[in-house]
Amino acid sequence: MSGCKSAQEISSQYNASDAEVVFISIDNLEYRVHSYMLKANSAVFRDLFGELSSKSAFQPIRLDATSADLSCFLNFMYQSHPTLPSSWTQAEVVSELCDRDNAISSRRELCLL
């Protein structure tokens, strides 16, 4: 049936059952993340999510990034020692995500690598 959606595959690393934010990569991998981690690292996310309570949730947000690039970007948000981008191309994409989402501390960390 064309109106039915298939089940979304969920990231094995970013799959918090209590997450309020869901990102979907261009290759349809779902990331369930906490708004407080995003807001702590990005003025854009602070404005977007405002005073979001843990009981409320947004509609899934589709991002123009592959699952590998989105994982790398989220690693900079979540980890104190994130995994390095696997290529210059990935570093550029992650840097663009940091710029777009005004994730200044993540961008600074990426530049130091």
Protein backbone atom coordinates (compact mmCIF):
# COMPACT_ATOMS: atom_id res chain seq x y z
CA MET A 1 0.00 0.00 0.00
CA SER A 2 1.53 3.34 -1.02
CA GLY A 3 0.17 5.28 1.97
CA CYS A 4 2.01 3.13 4.52
CA LYS A 5 5.46 4.09 5.70
CA SER A 6 8.04 1.43 6.39
CA ALA A 7 9.58 1.30 9.84
CA GLN A 8 12.43 3.79 10.24
CA GLU A 9 15.85 2.35 11.05
CA ILE A 10 17.22 3.85 14.27
CA SER A 11 20.83 4.75 15.03
CA SER A 12 22.45 2.26 17.39
CA GLN A 13 24.36 5.08 19.11
CA TYR A 14 21.74 7.84 19.24
CA ASN A 15 18.53 6.07 20.23
CA ALA A 16 17.50 7.54 23.58
CA SER A 17 14.01 6.37 24.49
CA ASP A 18 13.42 9.61 26.41
CA ALA A 19 14.69 11.89 23.61
CA GLU A 20 12.53 14.83 22.56
CA VAL A 21 14.27 15.45 19.23
CA VAL A 22 14.40 13.12 16.25
CA PHE A 23 16.66 13.82 13.27
CA ILE A 24 16.46 11.78 10.06
CA SER A 25 19.45 11.58 7.72
CA ILE A 26 19.13 11.61 3.93
CA ASP A 27 19.71 7.85 3.97
CA ASN A 28 16.74 7.48 6.38
CA LEU A 29 18.51 6.67 9.63
CA GLU A 30 16.69 8.05 12.66
CA TYR A 31 18.58 9.74 15.51
CA ARG A 32 16.80 10.22 18.84
CA VAL A 33 18.65 12.87 20.82
CA HIS A 34 18.13 15.08 23.85
CA SER A 35 17.36 18.73 23.26
CA TYR A 36 19.48 19.81 26.23
CA MET A 37 22.65 18.50 24.56
CA LEU A 38 21.81 20.35 21.35
CA LYS A 39 20.88 23.56 23.19
CA ALA A 40 24.10 23.42 25.22
CA ASN A 41 26.15 23.50 22.02
CA SER A 42 24.15 25.66 19.62
CA ALA A 43 22.42 29.04 19.76
CA VAL A 44 20.24 27.95 16.83
CA PHE A 45 19.04 24.88 18.73
CA ARG A 46 18.51 26.98 21.87
CA ASP A 47 16.21 29.29 19.89
CA LEU A 48 14.52 26.44 18.00
CA PHE A 49 13.76 24.27 21.00
CA GLY A 50 13.34 27.03 23.58
CA GLU A 51 11.98 25.71 26.83
CA LEU A 52 11.08 22.29 25.49
CA SER A 53 10.09 20.00 28.33
CA SER A 54 11.10 16.36 28.39
CA LYS A 55 7.44 15.40 28.03
CA SER A 56 6.95 17.21 24.73
CA ALA A 57 8.41 16.30 21.39
CA PHE A 58 8.81 17.78 17.95
CA GLN A 59 8.03 16.22 14.61
CA PRO A 60 11.07 14.44 13.14
CA ILE A 61 13.49 16.84 11.45
CA ARG A 62 14.96 15.76 8.12
CA LEU A 63 18.53 16.94 7.62
CA ASP A 64 20.54 17.16 4.42
CA ALA A 65 23.35 14.96 5.75
CA THR A 66 24.24 11.30 5.45
CA SER A 67 24.04 9.10 8.52
CA ALA A 68 27.87 9.02 8.72
CA ASP A 69 28.05 12.83 8.63
CA LEU A 70 25.18 13.29 11.08
CA SER A 71 26.75 10.78 13.49
CA CYS A 72 30.04 12.68 13.32
CA PHE A 73 28.23 16.00 13.93
CA LEU A 74 26.34 14.60 16.93
CA ASN A 75 29.56 13.12 18.30
CA PHE A 76 30.88 16.69 18.57
CA MET A 77 27.75 17.64 20.50
CA TYR A 78 27.74 14.64 22.84
CA GLN A 79 31.33 13.53 23.36
CA SER A 80 34.23 15.28 25.05
CA HIS A 81 36.66 13.46 22.72
CA PRO A 82 34.73 12.89 19.48
CA THR A 83 35.79 10.56 16.71
CA LEU A 84 37.60 12.41 13.94
CA PRO A 85 35.87 12.82 10.58
CA SER A 86 36.88 9.97 8.27
CA SER A 87 37.75 12.27 5.33
CA TRP A 88 38.22 15.91 4.37
CA THR A 89 34.84 15.78 2.67
CA GLN A 90 33.19 14.64 5.88
CA ALA A 91 35.05 17.33 7.83
CA GLU A 92 33.66 19.94 5.41
CA VAL A 93 30.10 18.63 5.78
CA VAL A 94 30.34 18.54 9.58
CA SER A 95 31.86 22.04 9.55
CA GLU A 96 28.93 23.26 7.42
CA LEU A 97 26.45 21.67 9.85
CA CYS A 98 28.24 23.42 12.72
CA ASP A 99 28.09 26.73 10.85
CA ARG A 100 24.44 26.33 9.90
CA ASP A 101 23.41 25.35 13.40
CA ASN A 102 25.76 27.90 15.00
CA ALA A 103 27.46 25.14 16.97
CA ILE A 104 30.46 27.33 17.72
CA SER A 105 32.13 25.12 20.32
CA SER A 106 31.82 22.10 18.02
CA ARG A 107 33.25 24.02 15.08
CA ARG A 108 36.17 25.23 17.19
CA GLU A 109 36.84 21.64 18.29
CA LEU A 110 36.73 20.45 14.67
CA CYS A 111 39.21 23.14 13.61
CA LEU A 112 41.65 22.08 16.30
CA LEU A 113 41.77 18.48 15.07
